[in-house]
């Protein structure tokens, strides 16, 4: 097997409540992302984004990693790890600095972002992201890139995302038990945005609702920057639980019924289509119509969307998301989800699938892979930024030495 460093690979690991997905992407010579490996396994030991059993989660991760390694013909040593859960919190902060040499430098930008993110957080919490939104120089506002601009005073606004330190450590521990390192811990909703949104949607204003198994992750973009994010600790497993209880069938069979036959709109389900429902305790299976199943699924799915809409309204951005809603995640591909979402939210809605990748796209052309593919794209972006920063620092150091030599200071 080849090493990932030799092929310029990036690996994403999405450890969810219902599934664990490992994706392997190869960064090509023209900086494109090609999917070369995918591992998808049932998740055990997770609940609503939190670890309940370290051993079970580690085993699930190991199986997904082995499957991805086999497909990509590589040895995985580190991953970009997604994290979610109700412990995730967000806030918008700002920082102000005086511009040193009447012209904004990289140091000025770094300093003002550092001040913006220097908000007091408790020892129990960990800083995940501090994402710049916009800058202001003196009287000019809404600046996206202030580098080289003239002024006296610069202000930066940033979106801060934090998580529970213990929750993060437990998840990282599961990964490390598999002999892997964590390159970066990334909020799952942010990763999903990287894979399903276009630049136009981010500028115009858009809300992403990632409906997973245990949580719904929400992210709102406006003017090209992340403005609000949140996690709602109910999601697709609520639908599965309703099916299991009402039809008295095991959870595993209820999940299969949901994935294969569930329809979010009872008007779109036929009475003529019959489904075999397994029973418990050795009782014989029963037949029911797909319409009957949809009558159980629709109320819960509507409730989930109403909770998401309530969070969007609470953010204060409901009237500014002109591009509407993008629904993604495993539960987002349910038949009728688009129509029900449009009815409830009264705005444009589309189902978000990973975009902007090549290679084994047939494997990941599914809303359920939004986070896993987004982790690859996020990782590629970080690697590119770090490479440019390293190059700039090297060139800056070299130029500084030459200048000092000419000035007689070296």
Protein backbone atom coordinates (compact mmCIF):
# COMPACT_ATOMS: atom_id res chain seq x y z
CA UNK A 1 0.00 0.00 0.00
CA UNK A 2 1.14 3.52 -0.70
CA UNK A 3 1.44 6.19 1.96
CA UNK A 4 -0.96 9.11 1.89
CA UNK A 5 1.91 11.63 2.03
CA UNK A 6 3.28 10.37 -1.29
CA UNK A 7 -0.06 10.74 -3.08
CA UNK A 8 -1.16 14.00 -1.42
CA UNK A 9 -4.23 12.46 0.14
CA UNK A 10 -6.68 13.98 2.58
CA UNK A 11 -8.99 11.85 4.74
CA UNK A 12 -12.33 12.79 6.26
CA UNK A 13 -14.00 10.88 9.10
CA UNK A 14 -17.66 11.50 9.93
CA UNK A 15 -18.63 9.64 13.11
CA UNK A 16 -22.39 9.97 13.34
CA UNK A 17 -25.13 8.47 15.46
CA UNK A 18 -26.28 6.06 12.75
CA UNK A 19 -23.21 5.59 10.53
CA UNK A 20 -19.45 6.10 10.33
CA UNK A 21 -18.11 7.29 6.98
CA UNK A 22 -14.43 7.51 6.05
CA UNK A 23 -13.61 9.24 2.76
CA UNK A 24 -10.26 9.42 0.99
CA UNK A 25 -9.62 12.26 -1.43
CA UNK A 26 -6.59 12.80 -3.63
CA UNK A 27 -5.55 16.37 -4.40
CA UNK A 28 -4.60 16.42 -8.07
CA UNK A 29 -1.95 18.54 -9.76
CA UNK A 30 -4.56 21.18 -10.68
CA UNK A 31 -5.76 21.32 -7.02
CA UNK A 32 -8.94 19.36 -7.72
CA UNK A 33 -10.34 16.87 -5.22
CA UNK A 34 -10.79 13.31 -6.50
CA UNK A 35 -12.61 10.73 -4.36
CA UNK A 36 -10.51 7.54 -4.36
CA UNK A 37 -11.91 5.64 -1.37
CA UNK A 38 -15.05 5.39 0.77
CA UNK A 39 -15.80 3.35 3.89
CA UNK A 40 -19.34 3.23 5.27
CA UNK A 41 -20.24 1.25 8.39
CA UNK A 42 -23.11 1.19 10.89
CA UNK A 43 -22.27 3.27 13.94
CA UNK A 44 -22.38 1.69 17.38
CA UNK A 45 -21.81 3.45 20.70
CA UNK A 46 -22.85 6.96 19.62
CA UNK A 47 -25.93 8.93 20.68
CA UNK A 48 -26.84 12.46 19.54
CA UNK A 49 -23.23 13.18 18.58
CA UNK A 50 -21.77 11.97 21.88
CA UNK A 51 -19.73 8.85 22.69
CA UNK A 52 -21.54 6.29 24.86
CA UNK A 53 -19.11 3.38 24.47
CA UNK A 54 -15.46 3.97 23.53
CA UNK A 55 -14.85 0.38 22.43
CA UNK A 56 -17.91 0.16 20.17
CA UNK A 57 -17.19 3.52 18.52
CA UNK A 58 -13.53 2.58 17.97
CA UNK A 59 -14.57 -0.71 16.34
CA UNK A 60 -16.99 1.12 14.02
CA UNK A 61 -14.28 3.60 13.05
CA UNK A 62 -11.75 0.83 12.45
CA UNK A 63 -14.11 -1.02 10.09
CA UNK A 64 -14.86 2.14 8.10
CA UNK A 65 -11.15 3.02 7.87
CA UNK A 66 -10.24 -0.51 6.74
CA UNK A 67 -12.87 -0.38 4.01
CA UNK A 68 -11.65 3.03 2.80
CA UNK A 69 -8.00 1.91 2.85
CA UNK A 70 -8.82 -1.16 0.79
CA UNK A 71 -10.69 0.84 -1.82
CA UNK A 72 -8.09 3.65 -2.04
CA UNK A 73 -5.07 1.30 -1.76
CA UNK A 74 -3.42 3.46 0.88
CA UNK A 75 -2.47 3.49 4.54
CA UNK A 76 -4.38 6.09 6.56
CA UNK A 77 -2.53 7.71 9.46
CA UNK A 78 -4.49 10.92 10.16
CA UNK A 79 -7.97 12.28 9.56
CA UNK A 80 -10.06 15.43 9.54
CA UNK A 81 -12.67 14.57 12.14
CA UNK A 82 -16.23 15.90 12.24
CA UNK A 83 -17.99 16.66 15.52
CA UNK A 84 -21.57 17.56 16.38
CA UNK A 85 -23.93 17.43 19.36
CA UNK A 86 -26.02 19.72 21.53
CA UNK A 87 -22.84 20.83 23.34
CA UNK A 88 -21.85 22.89 20.26
CA UNK A 89 -22.31 26.63 20.83
CA UNK A 90 -21.81 29.66 18.59
CA UNK A 91 -21.47 33.41 19.06
CA UNK A 92 -20.51 36.45 17.01
CA UNK A 93 -17.68 38.60 18.38
CA UNK A 94 -15.59 41.57 17.24
CA UNK A 95 -12.09 42.91 17.81
CA UNK A 96 -10.35 46.26 17.15
CA UNK A 97 -6.67 47.10 16.56
CA UNK A 98 -4.65 50.13 15.50
CA UNK A 99 -3.02 49.68 12.08
CA UNK A 100 0.73 49.78 12.64
CA UNK A 101 2.18 51.28 9.45
CA UNK A 102 -0.85 53.03 7.96
CA UNK A 103 -1.28 49.96 5.76
CA UNK A 104 -2.88 46.67 6.80
CA UNK A 105 -0.40 43.80 7.03
CA UNK A 106 -0.82 40.08 7.65
CA UNK A 107 0.19 40.70 11.27
CA UNK A 108 -2.58 43.28 11.67
CA UNK A 109 -5.15 40.81 10.36
CA UNK A 110 -3.84 38.04 12.63
CA UNK A 111 -3.92 40.41 15.63
CA UNK A 112 -7.48 41.62 15.10
CA UNK A 113 -8.78 38.05 14.64
CA UNK A 114 -6.89 37.02 17.76
CA UNK A 115 -8.60 39.80 19.73
CA UNK A 116 -12.01 38.86 18.32
CA UNK A 117 -11.57 35.25 19.40
CA UNK A 118 -10.12 36.14 22.82
CA UNK A 119 -13.52 35.97 24.48
CA UNK A 120 -13.63 34.32 27.90
CA UNK A 121 -14.68 30.67 27.63
CA UNK A 122 -14.85 28.24 30.52
CA UNK A 123 -12.21 25.58 31.07
CA UNK A 124 -14.79 22.95 30.13
CA UNK A 125 -15.06 24.28 26.59
CA UNK A 126 -12.80 24.08 23.55
CA UNK A 127 -12.48 26.58 20.69
CA UNK A 128 -13.31 24.84 17.41
CA UNK A 129 -13.40 27.70 14.89
CA UNK A 130 -13.01 31.47 14.72
CA UNK A 131 -14.26 32.37 11.24
CA UNK A 132 -13.82 35.96 9.95
CA UNK A 133 -17.02 37.53 8.66
CA UNK A 134 -15.98 41.02 7.58
CA UNK A 135 -13.63 43.90 8.38
CA UNK A 136 -14.05 47.66 8.85
CA UNK A 137 -11.28 50.22 8.37
CA UNK A 138 -12.07 53.65 9.82
CA UNK A 139 -15.41 54.59 8.21
CA UNK A 140 -15.43 51.88 5.52
CA UNK A 141 -17.41 48.74 6.36
CA UNK A 142 -18.04 45.36 4.75
CA UNK A 143 -14.42 44.74 3.67
CA UNK A 144 -13.67 41.09 2.90
CA UNK A 145 -9.90 41.31 2.40
CA UNK A 146 -8.25 44.32 4.09
CA UNK A 147 -4.65 43.36 3.24
CA UNK A 148 -2.70 46.37 1.90
CA UNK A 149 -5.49 48.88 2.53
CA UNK A 150 -4.70 52.19 4.23
CA UNK A 151 -6.21 53.32 7.50
CA UNK A 152 -5.75 53.98 11.18
CA UNK A 153 -8.19 51.64 12.95
CA UNK A 154 -9.41 48.19 11.90
CA UNK A 155 -12.28 46.17 13.29
CA UNK A 156 -13.03 42.50 12.56
CA UNK A 157 -16.20 40.52 13.15
CA UNK A 158 -15.89 36.76 13.60
CA UNK A 159 -18.13 33.74 14.17
CA UNK A 160 -16.88 31.71 17.13
CA UNK A 161 -17.78 28.01 17.52
CA UNK A 162 -16.97 26.11 20.71
CA UNK A 163 -17.62 22.60 21.97
CA UNK A 164 -17.40 20.60 25.18
CA UNK A 165 -13.77 19.77 25.88
CA UNK A 166 -14.66 16.35 27.32
CA UNK A 167 -16.92 15.46 24.38
CA UNK A 168 -14.12 16.34 21.96
CA UNK A 169 -11.53 14.35 23.94
CA UNK A 170 -13.73 11.25 24.03
CA UNK A 171 -14.26 11.34 20.26
CA UNK A 172 -10.56 11.95 19.60
CA UNK A 173 -9.71 9.09 21.96
CA UNK A 174 -11.79 6.69 19.84
CA UNK A 175 -9.85 7.76 16.75
CA UNK A 176 -6.48 7.46 18.51
CA UNK A 177 -7.36 3.93 19.67
CA UNK A 178 -7.40 3.02 15.98
CA UNK A 179 -3.80 4.24 15.63
CA UNK A 180 -4.83 7.46 13.89
CA UNK A 181 -4.09 11.13 14.52
CA UNK A 182 -6.63 13.95 14.29
CA UNK A 183 -5.43 16.68 11.91
CA UNK A 184 -8.33 18.99 12.72
CA UNK A 185 -11.57 18.74 14.66
CA UNK A 186 -14.30 20.32 12.52
CA UNK A 187 -17.92 21.24 13.19
CA UNK A 188 -19.99 18.92 11.00
CA UNK A 189 -22.36 21.64 9.76
CA UNK A 190 -19.40 23.73 8.57
CA UNK A 191 -18.04 20.72 6.69
CA UNK A 192 -21.42 20.08 5.06
CA UNK A 193 -21.51 23.69 3.84
CA UNK A 194 -18.15 23.18 2.14
CA UNK A 195 -19.57 20.28 0.13
CA UNK A 196 -23.13 21.34 -0.79
CA UNK A 197 -23.16 25.15 -1.12
CA UNK A 198 -22.18 27.35 -4.05
CA UNK A 199 -20.45 30.73 -3.67
CA UNK A 200 -23.56 32.46 -5.04
CA UNK A 201 -25.75 30.93 -2.34
CA UNK A 202 -23.33 32.00 0.37
CA UNK A 203 -23.38 35.57 -0.91
CA UNK A 204 -27.13 35.78 -1.39
CA UNK A 205 -27.99 34.19 1.94
CA UNK A 206 -28.76 30.52 2.58
CA UNK A 207 -29.59 28.18 5.45
CA UNK A 208 -28.30 24.60 5.54
CA UNK A 209 -30.21 22.01 7.57
CA UNK A 210 -28.24 18.76 7.91
CA UNK A 211 -30.67 16.12 9.20
CA UNK A 212 -28.62 13.24 10.52
CA UNK A 213 -29.56 10.32 12.72
CA UNK A 214 -29.16 11.92 16.15
CA UNK A 215 -28.85 15.66 15.51
CA UNK A 216 -29.89 18.40 13.11
CA UNK A 217 -27.04 20.77 12.32
CA UNK A 218 -27.94 24.26 11.11
CA UNK A 219 -25.69 26.84 9.44
CA UNK A 220 -26.65 30.20 7.94
CA UNK A 221 -24.47 32.05 5.42
CA UNK A 222 -24.92 35.66 4.33
CA UNK A 223 -22.60 37.90 2.30
CA UNK A 224 -20.15 35.04 1.94
CA UNK A 225 -19.65 34.42 5.67
CA UNK A 226 -21.07 32.10 8.31
CA UNK A 227 -23.44 34.14 10.49
CA UNK A 228 -25.18 31.57 12.67
CA UNK A 229 -24.83 27.89 13.56
CA UNK A 230 -26.66 25.58 15.94
CA UNK A 231 -27.35 21.93 16.76
CA UNK A 232 -30.81 20.53 17.57
CA UNK A 233 -30.55 17.18 19.42
CA UNK A 234 -33.42 15.47 17.57
CA UNK A 235 -33.33 14.09 14.03
CA UNK A 236 -33.97 11.02 11.86
CA UNK A 237 -33.83 8.51 14.72
CA UNK A 238 -37.06 10.03 16.03
CA UNK A 239 -38.75 8.88 12.82
CA UNK A 240 -37.23 5.42 13.16
CA UNK A 241 -38.43 5.19 16.75
CA UNK A 242 -41.98 6.09 15.78
CA UNK A 243 -42.03 3.38 13.09
CA UNK A 244 -40.68 0.78 15.53
CA UNK A 245 -43.22 1.58 18.26
CA UNK A 246 -46.34 2.01 16.15
CA UNK A 247 -45.74 -1.02 13.92
CA UNK A 248 -44.10 -3.10 16.68
CA UNK A 249 -41.03 -3.96 14.67
CA UNK A 250 -37.34 -4.12 15.72
CA UNK A 251 -35.35 -0.88 15.42
CA UNK A 252 -33.09 -2.32 12.73
CA UNK A 253 -36.10 -3.24 10.58
CA UNK A 254 -37.73 0.13 11.28
CA UNK A 255 -34.61 1.85 9.96
CA UNK A 256 -34.72 -0.28 6.81
CA UNK A 257 -38.39 0.57 6.30
CA UNK A 258 -37.61 4.27 6.67
CA UNK A 259 -34.71 4.19 4.23
CA UNK A 260 -36.42 2.08 1.57
CA UNK A 261 -40.09 3.03 1.72
CA UNK A 262 -40.73 6.09 3.90
CA UNK A 263 -42.34 9.14 2.32
CA UNK A 264 -42.46 12.50 4.09
CA UNK A 265 -45.73 13.40 2.35
CA UNK A 266 -48.72 11.07 2.72
CA UNK A 267 -50.25 12.63 -0.41
CA UNK A 268 -47.37 11.24 -2.47
CA UNK A 269 -47.60 7.68 -1.09
CA UNK A 270 -49.78 5.09 -2.77
CA UNK A 271 -52.30 2.88 -0.99
CA UNK A 272 -51.63 0.17 -3.55
CA UNK A 273 -47.93 -0.29 -2.70
CA UNK A 274 -47.66 -2.91 0.04
CA UNK A 275 -44.74 -3.41 2.43
CA UNK A 276 -43.85 -6.44 4.53
CA UNK A 277 -43.26 -5.45 8.16
CA UNK A 278 -41.26 -7.91 10.31
CA UNK A 279 -42.63 -8.55 13.81
CA UNK A 280 -40.91 -9.23 17.14
CA UNK A 281 -40.76 -12.40 19.21
CA UNK A 282 -41.07 -14.78 16.28
CA UNK A 283 -44.50 -13.50 15.29
CA UNK A 284 -45.35 -13.63 11.58
CA UNK A 285 -44.66 -10.59 9.41
CA UNK A 286 -47.54 -8.32 8.41
CA UNK A 287 -48.41 -6.38 5.28
CA UNK A 288 -49.26 -2.69 5.21
CA UNK A 289 -49.53 0.00 2.57
CA UNK A 290 -46.84 2.58 1.94
CA UNK A 291 -49.47 5.25 2.55
CA UNK A 292 -49.97 3.95 6.10
CA UNK A 293 -46.22 4.21 6.73
CA UNK A 294 -46.16 7.77 5.42
CA UNK A 295 -48.99 8.74 7.81
CA UNK A 296 -46.64 7.85 10.67
CA UNK A 297 -43.56 9.45 9.15
CA UNK A 298 -45.03 12.77 7.97
CA UNK A 299 -46.01 14.30 11.35
CA UNK A 300 -42.56 13.65 12.83
CA UNK A 301 -40.73 14.92 9.75
CA UNK A 302 -42.84 18.08 9.79
CA UNK A 303 -42.00 18.53 13.46
CA UNK A 304 -38.27 18.30 12.70
CA UNK A 305 -38.52 20.92 9.96
CA UNK A 306 -40.57 23.21 12.20
CA UNK A 307 -37.84 22.99 14.86
CA UNK A 308 -35.25 23.93 12.24
CA UNK A 309 -37.39 26.83 11.03
CA UNK A 310 -37.82 28.03 14.61
CA UNK A 311 -34.02 28.10 15.03
CA UNK A 312 -33.64 30.04 11.78
CA UNK A 313 -36.19 32.59 13.00
CA UNK A 314 -34.41 32.83 16.36
CA UNK A 315 -31.17 33.69 14.53
CA UNK A 316 -32.79 36.83 13.06
CA UNK A 317 -31.74 35.97 9.49
CA UNK A 318 -34.97 34.42 8.22
CA UNK A 319 -35.81 37.38 5.98
CA UNK A 320 -32.26 37.63 4.59
CA UNK A 321 -31.72 34.12 3.21
CA UNK A 322 -32.82 34.86 -0.35
CA UNK A 323 -31.35 31.60 -1.67
CA UNK A 324 -33.62 29.68 0.67
CA UNK A 325 -33.01 26.36 2.36
CA UNK A 326 -30.65 23.49 1.54
CA UNK A 327 -31.57 20.19 3.19
CA UNK A 328 -28.89 17.54 3.42
CA UNK A 329 -27.99 14.54 5.57
CA UNK A 330 -29.31 10.98 5.43
CA UNK A 331 -32.91 11.92 6.26
CA UNK A 332 -32.86 14.66 3.64
CA UNK A 333 -33.13 12.16 0.77
CA UNK A 334 -36.52 10.85 1.92
CA UNK A 335 -39.18 10.96 -0.79
CA UNK A 336 -41.35 14.03 -0.36
CA UNK A 337 -38.85 15.86 1.88
CA UNK A 338 -38.46 18.68 -0.64
CA UNK A 339 -42.21 19.24 -1.04
CA UNK A 340 -42.91 19.18 2.71
CA UNK A 341 -40.03 21.58 3.42
CA UNK A 342 -41.30 24.05 0.84
CA UNK A 343 -44.79 23.86 2.35
CA UNK A 344 -43.55 24.49 5.90
CA UNK A 345 -40.80 27.06 5.27
CA UNK A 346 -42.43 28.96 2.40
CA UNK A 347 -39.09 29.55 0.69
CA UNK A 348 -37.01 27.94 -2.07
CA UNK A 349 -35.69 24.52 -1.01
CA UNK A 350 -33.27 22.10 -2.62
CA UNK A 351 -31.69 18.81 -1.53
CA UNK A 352 -27.94 19.23 -1.06
CA UNK A 353 -25.57 16.62 -2.45
CA UNK A 354 -21.74 16.89 -2.55
CA UNK A 355 -20.50 19.03 -5.44
CA UNK A 356 -17.11 20.04 -6.78
CA UNK A 357 -15.46 16.60 -6.62
CA UNK A 358 -14.32 14.05 -9.18
CA UNK A 359 -13.36 10.38 -9.05
CA UNK A 360 -15.73 7.92 -7.41
CA UNK A 361 -18.62 10.36 -7.42
CA UNK A 362 -21.23 7.59 -7.72
CA UNK A 363 -20.34 6.49 -4.19
CA UNK A 364 -20.86 9.90 -2.62
CA UNK A 365 -23.64 11.39 -4.78
CA UNK A 366 -25.96 11.29 -1.80
CA UNK A 367 -26.99 13.82 0.91
CA UNK A 368 -25.83 11.31 3.55
CA UNK A 369 -22.21 11.93 2.44
CA UNK A 370 -22.33 15.73 2.68
CA UNK A 371 -20.32 15.95 5.90
CA UNK A 372 -17.77 13.27 4.97
CA UNK A 373 -16.99 14.90 1.60
CA UNK A 374 -17.08 18.37 3.17
CA UNK A 375 -14.36 17.31 5.59
CA UNK A 376 -12.15 16.52 2.59
CA UNK A 377 -12.83 19.92 1.03
CA UNK A 378 -12.24 21.67 4.33
CA UNK A 379 -8.98 19.76 4.77
CA UNK A 380 -7.83 20.63 1.26
CA UNK A 381 -8.57 24.32 1.92
CA UNK A 382 -6.57 24.27 5.16
CA UNK A 383 -3.63 22.54 3.51
CA UNK A 384 -3.62 25.07 0.68
CA UNK A 385 -3.76 28.00 3.13
CA UNK A 386 -0.95 26.55 5.24
CA UNK A 387 1.20 25.99 2.15
CA UNK A 388 0.69 29.60 1.00
CA UNK A 389 1.43 30.90 4.50
CA UNK A 390 4.60 28.83 4.73
CA UNK A 391 5.73 30.06 1.32
CA UNK A 392 5.01 33.69 2.24
CA UNK A 393 6.90 33.35 5.52
CA UNK A 394 9.87 31.78 3.76
CA UNK A 395 9.97 34.46 1.08
CA UNK A 396 9.43 37.16 3.69
CA UNK A 397 12.32 35.88 5.77
CA UNK A 398 14.59 35.73 2.72
CA UNK A 399 13.64 39.26 1.59
CA UNK A 400 14.09 40.61 5.11
CA UNK A 401 17.60 39.18 5.29
CA UNK A 402 18.54 40.66 1.89
CA UNK A 403 17.16 44.06 2.91
CA UNK A 404 19.04 44.06 6.19
CA UNK A 405 22.24 43.06 4.39
CA UNK A 406 21.94 46.06 2.08
CA UNK A 407 21.23 48.28 5.07
CA UNK A 408 24.29 47.00 6.89
CA UNK A 409 22.21 45.40 9.65
CA UNK A 410 22.90 41.75 8.90
